[in-house]
Amino acid sequence: MWALIFLLITLSVVLGVIAIVLHKILSEISDKSDCKNDKKSLSEHQRMITLINNITDAILSTDEHGIINTYNSAALNLIDTNSGINGEHISQVLNLETTDKKPIDIFKELTKSSAIRQRDDVLMKIEDDDYIRLEVTLAPVQGGDKMTPDGYVLILRDITKTKSLEEERDEFISVVSHELRTPIAIAEGSLSNAKLLVERKMTSKIPEAIDESHKQILFLARMINDLSTLSRAERGVADETEIIDVTELAAQINSEYSPQAGEKGLAFNLDIGGRLGVS
């Protein structure tokens, strides 16, 4: 009987010691696992920061209240600062306005919709009278089962040059359309007159109408050739190079445009230096 009791006591002590040892082992394993997870999370965060820092567009991430928690170097370049902006409200960091000069509260824009949106009518002042045009992407970050976003991501791209080129292109097309229309209208009118003169058998005036039409068609051809040359130059497709005599070229230009200048009461004075020659 006493032997059985002693055996049970000994067994309970051994089990207690085993439980303590297992608890310590499991605690160490848990600590190591937590440490590995922390290191893994830190490594992933550093990779993410490295990734967004290599993106040329400005990127800012905020919490649900608009407080900045992540940004890249392009964002600092855009707002022209070397100071960290973590913990600051995004509406205070970015002073934006529309192309109509109406101020934009960027946080209100972020919270307007739960869908990703994009707009390109945003201006940012960089100097007193100098602005840059921005394309802005507004994206809510939805996490878990919450109905409201956990935060927001804002991407800003400088499209000043692109928009400027688009405006210049539109203006260029408008001007070219007008300039092309003029010689075509004159040529069409001259040929119509020539046709009418033939019908009325007034042949003495036909050469004059045809000459005017021919002159306008030549003018139109030169304009189209100039546009073709400009197009090739912009695409980097150059014509074959050739050796030219600069003196001869200058004399040719002077001879070609002197009559037109004379009609306007102007005179060309061609002064060619002795060093000019073949090039």
C-alpha atoms as a PDB file:
ATOM      1  CA  MET A   1       0.000   0.000   0.000  1.00  0.00           C
ATOM      2  CA  TRP A   2       2.709   2.495   1.053  1.00  0.00           C
ATOM      3  CA  ALA A   3       4.765   1.467  -1.966  1.00  0.00           C
ATOM      4  CA  LEU A   4       1.854   2.301  -4.264  1.00  0.00           C
ATOM      5  CA  ILE A   5       1.384   5.697  -2.616  1.00  0.00           C
ATOM      6  CA  PHE A   6       5.128   6.411  -2.913  1.00  0.00           C
ATOM      7  CA  LEU A   7       5.024   5.390  -6.589  1.00  0.00           C
ATOM      8  CA  LEU A   8       2.088   7.699  -7.283  1.00  0.00           C
ATOM      9  CA  ILE A   9       3.824  10.624  -5.530  1.00  0.00           C
ATOM     10  CA  THR A  10       7.026   9.998  -7.470  1.00  0.00           C
ATOM     11  CA  LEU A  11       5.079   9.797 -10.748  1.00  0.00           C
ATOM     12  CA  SER A  12       3.274  13.086 -10.062  1.00  0.00           C
ATOM     13  CA  VAL A  13       6.574  14.817  -9.291  1.00  0.00           C
ATOM     14  CA  VAL A  14       8.114  13.490 -12.503  1.00  0.00           C
ATOM     15  CA  LEU A  15       5.083  14.623 -14.513  1.00  0.00           C
ATOM     16  CA  GLY A  16       5.302  18.064 -12.909  1.00  0.00           C
ATOM     17  CA  VAL A  17       8.971  18.359 -13.815  1.00  0.00           C
ATOM     18  CA  ILE A  18       8.212  17.230 -17.374  1.00  0.00           C
ATOM     19  CA  ALA A  19       5.411  19.807 -17.640  1.00  0.00           C
ATOM     20  CA  ILE A  20       7.733  22.581 -16.454  1.00  0.00           C
ATOM     21  CA  VAL A  21      10.428  21.543 -18.917  1.00  0.00           C
ATOM     22  CA  LEU A  22       7.914  21.354 -21.784  1.00  0.00           C
ATOM     23  CA  HIS A  23       6.556  24.788 -20.872  1.00  0.00           C
ATOM     24  CA  LYS A  24      10.052  26.256 -20.980  1.00  0.00           C
ATOM     25  CA  ILE A  25      10.779  24.547 -24.295  1.00  0.00           C
ATOM     26  CA  LEU A  26       7.505  25.767 -25.805  1.00  0.00           C
ATOM     27  CA  SER A  27       8.148  29.287 -24.496  1.00  0.00           C
ATOM     28  CA  GLU A  28      11.591  29.308 -26.086  1.00  0.00           C
ATOM     29  CA  ILE A  29      10.140  28.022 -29.360  1.00  0.00           C
ATOM     30  CA  SER A  30       7.410  30.688 -29.228  1.00  0.00           C
ATOM     31  CA  ASP A  31       9.965  33.426 -28.500  1.00  0.00           C
ATOM     32  CA  LYS A  32      12.135  32.265 -31.370  1.00  0.00           C
ATOM     33  CA  SER A  33       9.095  32.115 -33.651  1.00  0.00           C
ATOM     34  CA  ASP A  34       8.039  35.629 -32.620  1.00  0.00           C
ATOM     35  CA  CYS A  35      11.582  36.855 -33.189  1.00  0.00           C
ATOM     36  CA  LYS A  36      11.650  35.255 -36.635  1.00  0.00           C
ATOM     37  CA  ASN A  37       8.252  36.742 -37.456  1.00  0.00           C
ATOM     38  CA  ASP A  38       9.419  40.168 -36.295  1.00  0.00           C
ATOM     39  CA  LYS A  39      12.555  39.883 -38.407  1.00  0.00           C
ATOM     40  CA  LYS A  40      10.496  38.683 -41.368  1.00  0.00           C
ATOM     41  CA  SER A  41       8.034  41.569 -40.992  1.00  0.00           C
ATOM     42  CA  LEU A  42      10.886  44.060 -40.690  1.00  0.00           C
ATOM     43  CA  SER A  43      12.575  42.597 -43.767  1.00  0.00           C
ATOM     44  CA  GLU A  44       9.334  42.780 -45.775  1.00  0.00           C
ATOM     45  CA  HIS A  45       8.770  46.384 -44.656  1.00  0.00           C
ATOM     46  CA  GLN A  46      12.304  47.337 -45.691  1.00  0.00           C
ATOM     47  CA  ARG A  47      11.778  45.649 -49.068  1.00  0.00           C
ATOM     48  CA  MET A  48       8.538  47.561 -49.541  1.00  0.00           C
ATOM     49  CA  ILE A  49      10.225  50.888 -48.685  1.00  0.00           C
ATOM     50  CA  THR A  50      13.074  50.097 -51.098  1.00  0.00           C
ATOM     51  CA  LEU A  51      10.555  49.226 -53.805  1.00  0.00           C
ATOM     52  CA  ILE A  52       8.478  52.413 -53.525  1.00  0.00           C
ATOM     53  CA  ASN A  53      11.628  54.544 -53.274  1.00  0.00           C
ATOM     54  CA  ASN A  54      12.595  53.271 -56.723  1.00  0.00           C
ATOM     55  CA  ILE A  55       9.273  54.417 -58.189  1.00  0.00           C
ATOM     56  CA  THR A  56       9.490  57.815 -59.876  1.00  0.00           C
ATOM     57  CA  ASP A  57       5.899  58.765 -59.012  1.00  0.00           C
ATOM     58  CA  ALA A  58       5.255  60.344 -55.612  1.00  0.00           C
ATOM     59  CA  ILE A  59       3.526  57.867 -53.267  1.00  0.00           C
ATOM     60  CA  LEU A  60       1.993  58.672 -49.885  1.00  0.00           C
ATOM     61  CA  SER A  61       0.091  56.292 -47.613  1.00  0.00           C
ATOM     62  CA  THR A  62      -2.112  57.441 -44.727  1.00  0.00           C
ATOM     63  CA  ASP A  63      -4.236  55.925 -41.985  1.00  0.00           C
ATOM     64  CA  GLU A  64      -8.010  56.328 -41.911  1.00  0.00           C
ATOM     65  CA  HIS A  65      -7.626  59.826 -40.441  1.00  0.00           C
ATOM     66  CA  GLY A  66      -5.293  61.106 -43.163  1.00  0.00           C
ATOM     67  CA  ILE A  67      -2.102  60.898 -41.085  1.00  0.00           C
ATOM     68  CA  ILE A  68       0.878  59.996 -43.270  1.00  0.00           C
ATOM     69  CA  ASN A  69       2.623  56.754 -42.312  1.00  0.00           C
ATOM     70  CA  THR A  70       4.552  55.847 -45.470  1.00  0.00           C
ATOM     71  CA  TYR A  71       6.040  57.848 -48.342  1.00  0.00           C
ATOM     72  CA  ASN A  72       8.827  57.591 -50.887  1.00  0.00           C
ATOM     73  CA  SER A  73      11.692  59.862 -51.901  1.00  0.00           C
ATOM     74  CA  ALA A  74       9.780  61.097 -54.963  1.00  0.00           C
ATOM     75  CA  ALA A  75       7.130  62.510 -52.607  1.00  0.00           C
ATOM     76  CA  LEU A  76       9.789  64.497 -50.740  1.00  0.00           C
ATOM     77  CA  ASN A  77      11.158  65.778 -54.056  1.00  0.00           C
ATOM     78  CA  LEU A  78       7.678  66.827 -55.146  1.00  0.00           C
ATOM     79  CA  ILE A  79       6.974  68.876 -52.021  1.00  0.00           C
ATOM     80  CA  ASP A  80      10.606  70.057 -51.985  1.00  0.00           C
ATOM     81  CA  THR A  81      11.616  69.064 -48.465  1.00  0.00           C
ATOM     82  CA  ASN A  82      14.262  66.959 -46.778  1.00  0.00           C
ATOM     83  CA  SER A  83      12.317  66.622 -43.524  1.00  0.00           C
ATOM     84  CA  GLY A  84      10.316  63.532 -42.652  1.00  0.00           C
ATOM     85  CA  ILE A  85       6.556  63.869 -43.008  1.00  0.00           C
ATOM     86  CA  ASN A  86       5.419  60.846 -40.997  1.00  0.00           C
ATOM     87  CA  GLY A  87       2.698  61.815 -38.542  1.00  0.00           C
ATOM     88  CA  GLU A  88       1.609  64.889 -40.499  1.00  0.00           C
ATOM     89  CA  HIS A  89      -1.837  65.316 -42.012  1.00  0.00           C
ATOM     90  CA  ILE A  90      -1.834  64.907 -45.778  1.00  0.00           C
ATOM     91  CA  SER A  91      -4.030  67.982 -46.376  1.00  0.00           C
ATOM     92  CA  GLN A  92      -1.451  70.153 -44.598  1.00  0.00           C
ATOM     93  CA  VAL A  93       1.455  68.685 -46.556  1.00  0.00           C
ATOM     94  CA  LEU A  94      -0.123  69.000 -50.019  1.00  0.00           C
ATOM     95  CA  ASN A  95      -1.547  72.361 -51.084  1.00  0.00           C
ATOM     96  CA  LEU A  96      -3.320  71.561 -54.317  1.00  0.00           C
ATOM     97  CA  GLU A  97      -5.855  73.282 -56.537  1.00  0.00           C
ATOM     98  CA  THR A  98      -7.750  72.600 -59.735  1.00  0.00           C
ATOM     99  CA  THR A  99      -6.970  74.082 -63.134  1.00  0.00           C
ATOM    100  CA  ASP A 100      -9.799  76.528 -62.355  1.00  0.00           C
ATOM    101  CA  LYS A 101      -7.766  77.743 -59.337  1.00  0.00           C
ATOM    102  CA  LYS A 102     -10.168  76.170 -56.826  1.00  0.00           C
ATOM    103  CA  PRO A 103      -8.458  74.750 -53.695  1.00  0.00           C
ATOM    104  CA  ILE A 104      -8.535  70.984 -53.161  1.00  0.00           C
ATOM    105  CA  ASP A 105      -8.729  69.299 -49.743  1.00  0.00           C
ATOM    106  CA  ILE A 106      -6.939  66.125 -50.730  1.00  0.00           C
ATOM    107  CA  PHE A 107      -8.136  64.144 -47.682  1.00  0.00           C
ATOM    108  CA  LYS A 108     -11.756  64.919 -48.561  1.00  0.00           C
ATOM    109  CA  GLU A 109     -11.015  63.751 -52.092  1.00  0.00           C
ATOM    110  CA  LEU A 110      -9.596  60.506 -50.707  1.00  0.00           C
ATOM    111  CA  THR A 111     -12.690  59.844 -48.591  1.00  0.00           C
ATOM    112  CA  LYS A 112     -15.238  60.647 -51.318  1.00  0.00           C
ATOM    113  CA  SER A 113     -15.401  57.143 -52.744  1.00  0.00           C
ATOM    114  CA  SER A 114     -14.498  53.566 -51.893  1.00  0.00           C
ATOM    115  CA  ALA A 115     -13.317  52.986 -55.465  1.00  0.00           C
ATOM    116  CA  ILE A 116      -9.985  53.875 -57.039  1.00  0.00           C
ATOM    117  CA  ARG A 117     -10.248  57.200 -58.868  1.00  0.00           C
ATOM    118  CA  GLN A 118      -7.958  59.271 -61.064  1.00  0.00           C
ATOM    119  CA  ARG A 119      -7.977  62.926 -62.108  1.00  0.00           C
ATOM    120  CA  ASP A 120      -5.533  65.038 -64.095  1.00  0.00           C
ATOM    121  CA  ASP A 121      -6.843  68.556 -63.481  1.00  0.00           C
ATOM    122  CA  VAL A 122      -4.712  69.163 -60.390  1.00  0.00           C
ATOM    123  CA  LEU A 123      -2.146  71.938 -59.998  1.00  0.00           C
ATOM    124  CA  MET A 124       0.555  72.346 -57.372  1.00  0.00           C
ATOM    125  CA  LYS A 125       2.272  75.675 -56.825  1.00  0.00           C
ATOM    126  CA  ILE A 126       6.056  75.457 -56.710  1.00  0.00           C
ATOM    127  CA  GLU A 127       6.844  79.176 -56.906  1.00  0.00           C
ATOM    128  CA  ASP A 128       4.907  82.454 -56.832  1.00  0.00           C
ATOM    129  CA  ASP A 129       3.466  82.163 -60.342  1.00  0.00           C
ATOM    130  CA  ASP A 130       4.764  78.748 -61.325  1.00  0.00           C
ATOM    131  CA  TYR A 131       2.684  75.572 -61.178  1.00  0.00           C
ATOM    132  CA  ILE A 132       3.106  71.943 -62.122  1.00  0.00           C
ATOM    133  CA  ARG A 133       0.282  69.820 -63.508  1.00  0.00           C
ATOM    134  CA  LEU A 134      -0.370  66.553 -61.673  1.00  0.00           C
ATOM    135  CA  GLU A 135      -2.181  63.335 -62.409  1.00  0.00           C
ATOM    136  CA  VAL A 136      -3.540  62.071 -59.086  1.00  0.00           C
ATOM    137  CA  THR A 137      -4.612  58.511 -58.254  1.00  0.00           C
ATOM    138  CA  LEU A 138      -6.722  58.152 -55.099  1.00  0.00           C
ATOM    139  CA  ALA A 139      -7.043  54.636 -53.689  1.00  0.00           C
ATOM    140  CA  PRO A 140      -8.709  53.512 -50.440  1.00  0.00           C
ATOM    141  CA  VAL A 141      -7.131  50.577 -48.584  1.00  0.00           C
ATOM    142  CA  GLN A 142      -9.819  48.126 -47.484  1.00  0.00           C
ATOM    143  CA  GLY A 143      -8.830  45.528 -44.893  1.00  0.00           C
ATOM    144  CA  GLY A 144     -10.717  42.846 -43.001  1.00  0.00           C
ATOM    145  CA  ASP A 145     -14.482  42.993 -42.649  1.00  0.00           C
ATOM    146  CA  LYS A 146     -14.659  46.728 -41.973  1.00  0.00           C
ATOM    147  CA  MET A 147     -17.045  48.789 -44.065  1.00  0.00           C
ATOM    148  CA  THR A 148     -14.743  51.802 -43.929  1.00  0.00           C
ATOM    149  CA  PRO A 149     -11.175  51.935 -45.330  1.00  0.00           C
ATOM    150  CA  ASP A 150      -8.213  51.294 -43.044  1.00  0.00           C
ATOM    151  CA  GLY A 151      -6.247  53.965 -44.868  1.00  0.00           C
ATOM    152  CA  TYR A 152      -5.563  55.588 -48.211  1.00  0.00           C
ATOM    153  CA  VAL A 153      -2.857  55.614 -50.870  1.00  0.00           C
ATOM    154  CA  LEU A 154      -2.163  58.682 -52.990  1.00  0.00           C
ATOM    155  CA  ILE A 155      -0.045  58.566 -56.165  1.00  0.00           C
ATOM    156  CA  LEU A 156       0.995  61.811 -57.852  1.00  0.00           C
ATOM    157  CA  ARG A 157       2.617  62.034 -61.279  1.00  0.00           C
ATOM    158  CA  ASP A 158       4.041  65.182 -62.876  1.00  0.00           C
ATOM    159  CA  ILE A 159       2.355  65.514 -66.284  1.00  0.00           C
ATOM    160  CA  THR A 160       3.297  69.151 -66.923  1.00  0.00           C
ATOM    161  CA  LYS A 161       5.387  68.342 -69.995  1.00  0.00           C
ATOM    162  CA  THR A 162       2.799  65.929 -71.401  1.00  0.00           C
ATOM    163  CA  LYS A 163      -0.064  68.413 -71.042  1.00  0.00           C
ATOM    164  CA  SER A 164       2.067  71.213 -72.468  1.00  0.00           C
ATOM    165  CA  LEU A 165       2.879  69.090 -75.518  1.00  0.00           C
ATOM    166  CA  GLU A 166      -0.789  68.204 -75.948  1.00  0.00           C
ATOM    167  CA  GLU A 167      -1.788  71.874 -75.867  1.00  0.00           C
ATOM    168  CA  GLU A 168       0.979  72.796 -78.320  1.00  0.00           C
ATOM    169  CA  ARG A 169      -0.077  69.942 -80.602  1.00  0.00           C
ATOM    170  CA  ASP A 170      -3.705  71.071 -80.569  1.00  0.00           C
ATOM    171  CA  GLU A 171      -2.656  74.644 -81.353  1.00  0.00           C
ATOM    172  CA  PHE A 172      -0.322  73.418 -84.097  1.00  0.00           C
ATOM    173  CA  ILE A 173      -3.081  71.346 -85.702  1.00  0.00           C
ATOM    174  CA  SER A 174      -5.432  74.335 -85.571  1.00  0.00           C
ATOM    175  CA  VAL A 175      -2.878  76.653 -87.219  1.00  0.00           C
ATOM    176  CA  VAL A 176      -1.861  74.101 -89.862  1.00  0.00           C
ATOM    177  CA  SER A 177      -5.498  73.380 -90.697  1.00  0.00           C
ATOM    178  CA  HIS A 178      -6.072  77.076 -91.293  1.00  0.00           C
ATOM    179  CA  GLU A 179      -2.889  77.496 -93.326  1.00  0.00           C
ATOM    180  CA  LEU A 180      -3.688  74.462 -95.474  1.00  0.00           C
ATOM    181  CA  ARG A 181      -7.247  75.609 -96.048  1.00  0.00           C
ATOM    182  CA  THR A 182      -6.177  79.000 -97.453  1.00  0.00           C
ATOM    183  CA  PRO A 183      -4.131  77.852-100.507  1.00  0.00           C
ATOM    184  CA  ILE A 184      -6.639  75.087-101.238  1.00  0.00           C
ATOM    185  CA  ALA A 185      -9.499  77.608-101.269  1.00  0.00           C
ATOM    186  CA  ILE A 186      -7.551  79.992-103.524  1.00  0.00           C
ATOM    187  CA  ALA A 187      -6.543  77.203-105.919  1.00  0.00           C
ATOM    188  CA  GLU A 188     -10.119  75.904-106.045  1.00  0.00           C
ATOM    189  CA  GLY A 189     -11.443  79.410-106.709  1.00  0.00           C
ATOM    190  CA  SER A 190      -8.882  80.062-109.459  1.00  0.00           C
ATOM    191  CA  LEU A 191      -9.674  76.786-111.214  1.00  0.00           C
ATOM    192  CA  SER A 192     -13.401  77.500-110.945  1.00  0.00           C
ATOM    193  CA  ASN A 193     -12.786  80.878-112.564  1.00  0.00           C
ATOM    194  CA  ALA A 194     -10.735  79.236-115.316  1.00  0.00           C
ATOM    195  CA  LYS A 195     -13.553  76.768-115.977  1.00  0.00           C
ATOM    196  CA  LEU A 196     -16.066  79.609-116.124  1.00  0.00           C
ATOM    197  CA  LEU A 197     -13.829  81.565-118.507  1.00  0.00           C
ATOM    198  CA  VAL A 198     -13.603  78.550-120.810  1.00  0.00           C
ATOM    199  CA  GLU A 199     -17.382  78.234-120.838  1.00  0.00           C
ATOM    200  CA  ARG A 200     -17.716  81.929-121.706  1.00  0.00           C
ATOM    201  CA  LYS A 201     -14.879  81.686-124.250  1.00  0.00           C
ATOM    202  CA  MET A 202     -12.856  84.402-122.455  1.00  0.00           C
ATOM    203  CA  THR A 203      -9.588  82.588-123.067  1.00  0.00           C
ATOM    204  CA  SER A 204      -7.361  85.637-122.584  1.00  0.00           C
ATOM    205  CA  LYS A 205      -7.822  85.539-118.806  1.00  0.00           C
ATOM    206  CA  ILE A 206      -7.454  81.784-118.358  1.00  0.00           C
ATOM    207  CA  PRO A 207      -3.603  81.755-117.994  1.00  0.00           C
ATOM    208  CA  GLU A 208      -3.804  84.237-115.122  1.00  0.00           C
ATOM    209  CA  ALA A 209      -6.268  82.044-113.200  1.00  0.00           C
ATOM    210  CA  ILE A 210      -4.224  78.906-113.853  1.00  0.00           C
ATOM    211  CA  ASP A 211      -0.978  80.622-112.796  1.00  0.00           C
ATOM    212  CA  GLU A 212      -2.561  81.691-109.493  1.00  0.00           C
ATOM    213  CA  SER A 213      -3.832  78.172-108.897  1.00  0.00           C
ATOM    214  CA  HIS A 214      -0.409  76.717-109.727  1.00  0.00           C
ATOM    215  CA  LYS A 215       1.314  79.126-107.339  1.00  0.00           C
ATOM    216  CA  GLN A 216      -0.985  78.140-104.473  1.00  0.00           C
ATOM    217  CA  ILE A 217      -0.488  74.436-105.156  1.00  0.00           C
ATOM    218  CA  LEU A 218       3.298  74.899-105.052  1.00  0.00           C
ATOM    219  CA  PHE A 219       2.935  76.785-101.767  1.00  0.00           C
ATOM    220  CA  LEU A 220       0.832  73.920-100.423  1.00  0.00           C
ATOM    221  CA  ALA A 221       3.426  71.362-101.557  1.00  0.00           C
ATOM    222  CA  ARG A 222       6.230  73.254 -99.778  1.00  0.00           C
ATOM    223  CA  MET A 223       4.183  73.379 -96.587  1.00  0.00           C
ATOM    224  CA  ILE A 224       3.504  69.637 -96.723  1.00  0.00           C
ATOM    225  CA  ASN A 225       7.201  68.947 -97.337  1.00  0.00           C
ATOM    226  CA  ASP A 226       8.094  71.095 -94.332  1.00  0.00           C
ATOM    227  CA  LEU A 227       5.609  69.168 -92.171  1.00  0.00           C
ATOM    228  CA  SER A 228       7.060  65.886 -93.390  1.00  0.00           C
ATOM    229  CA  THR A 229      10.592  67.061 -92.550  1.00  0.00           C
ATOM    230  CA  LEU A 230       9.455  68.177 -89.092  1.00  0.00           C
ATOM    231  CA  SER A 231       7.776  64.820 -88.480  1.00  0.00           C
ATOM    232  CA  ARG A 232      10.930  62.909 -89.440  1.00  0.00           C
ATOM    233  CA  ALA A 233      13.048  65.146 -87.221  1.00  0.00           C
ATOM    234  CA  GLU A 234      10.781  64.518 -84.210  1.00  0.00           C
ATOM    235  CA  ARG A 235      10.922  60.766 -84.804  1.00  0.00           C
ATOM    236  CA  GLY A 236      14.697  60.892 -85.173  1.00  0.00           C
ATOM    237  CA  VAL A 237      14.546  59.760 -88.787  1.00  0.00           C
ATOM    238  CA  ALA A 238      16.991  62.027 -90.577  1.00  0.00           C
ATOM    239  CA  ASP A 239      17.560  62.388 -94.281  1.00  0.00           C
ATOM    240  CA  GLU A 240      20.899  61.426 -95.753  1.00  0.00           C
ATOM    241  CA  THR A 241      23.593  63.972 -94.980  1.00  0.00           C
ATOM    242  CA  GLU A 242      25.125  65.937 -97.816  1.00  0.00           C
ATOM    243  CA  ILE A 243      27.829  68.549 -98.257  1.00  0.00           C
ATOM    244  CA  ILE A 244      26.458  72.035 -98.939  1.00  0.00           C
ATOM    245  CA  ASP A 245      27.989  75.327 -99.967  1.00  0.00           C
ATOM    246  CA  VAL A 246      26.810  77.775 -97.301  1.00  0.00           C
ATOM    247  CA  THR A 247      27.498  80.814 -99.495  1.00  0.00           C
ATOM    248  CA  GLU A 248      25.468  79.365-102.340  1.00  0.00           C
ATOM    249  CA  LEU A 249      22.645  78.399 -99.958  1.00  0.00           C
ATOM    250  CA  ALA A 250      22.480  81.913 -98.487  1.00  0.00           C
ATOM    251  CA  ALA A 251      22.420  83.444-101.970  1.00  0.00           C
ATOM    252  CA  GLN A 252      19.660  81.057-103.023  1.00  0.00           C
ATOM    253  CA  ILE A 253      17.501  81.947-100.006  1.00  0.00           C
ATOM    254  CA  ASN A 254      18.106  85.643-100.607  1.00  0.00           C
ATOM    255  CA  SER A 255      17.115  85.299-104.259  1.00  0.00           C
ATOM    256  CA  GLU A 256      13.990  83.303-103.402  1.00  0.00           C
ATOM    257  CA  TYR A 257      12.584  85.615-100.737  1.00  0.00           C
ATOM    258  CA  SER A 258      13.791  89.050-101.923  1.00  0.00           C
ATOM    259  CA  PRO A 259      10.793  89.562-104.267  1.00  0.00           C
ATOM    260  CA  GLN A 260       8.346  88.789-101.432  1.00  0.00           C
ATOM    261  CA  ALA A 261      10.210  91.168 -99.131  1.00  0.00           C
ATOM    262  CA  GLY A 262      10.125  93.870-101.812  1.00  0.00           C
ATOM    263  CA  GLU A 263       6.330  93.559-102.047  1.00  0.00           C
ATOM    264  CA  LYS A 264       6.159  94.385 -98.335  1.00  0.00           C
ATOM    265  CA  GLY A 265       8.527  97.332 -98.635  1.00  0.00           C
ATOM    266  CA  LEU A 266      11.467  95.434 -97.135  1.00  0.00           C
ATOM    267  CA  ALA A 267      14.972  94.829 -98.448  1.00  0.00           C
ATOM    268  CA  PHE A 268      17.396  91.981 -97.793  1.00  0.00           C
ATOM    269  CA  ASN A 269      21.080  92.731 -97.286  1.00  0.00           C
ATOM    270  CA  LEU A 270      23.200  89.619 -97.741  1.00  0.00           C
ATOM    271  CA  ASP A 271      26.537  89.980 -95.941  1.00  0.00           C
ATOM    272  CA  ILE A 272      28.588  86.781 -96.198  1.00  0.00           C
ATOM    273  CA  GLY A 273      31.835  86.483 -94.254  1.00  0.00           C
ATOM    274  CA  GLY A 274      34.991  85.221 -95.879  1.00  0.00           C
ATOM    275  CA  ARG A 275      35.203  82.150 -93.654  1.00  0.00           C
ATOM    276  CA  LEU A 276      31.975  80.614 -94.901  1.00  0.00           C
ATOM    277  CA  GLY A 277      32.351  77.812 -97.388  1.00  0.00           C
ATOM    278  CA  VAL A 278      31.480  74.191 -97.915  1.00  0.00           C
ATOM    279  CA  SER A 279      30.289  72.251 -94.864  1.00  0.00           C
END
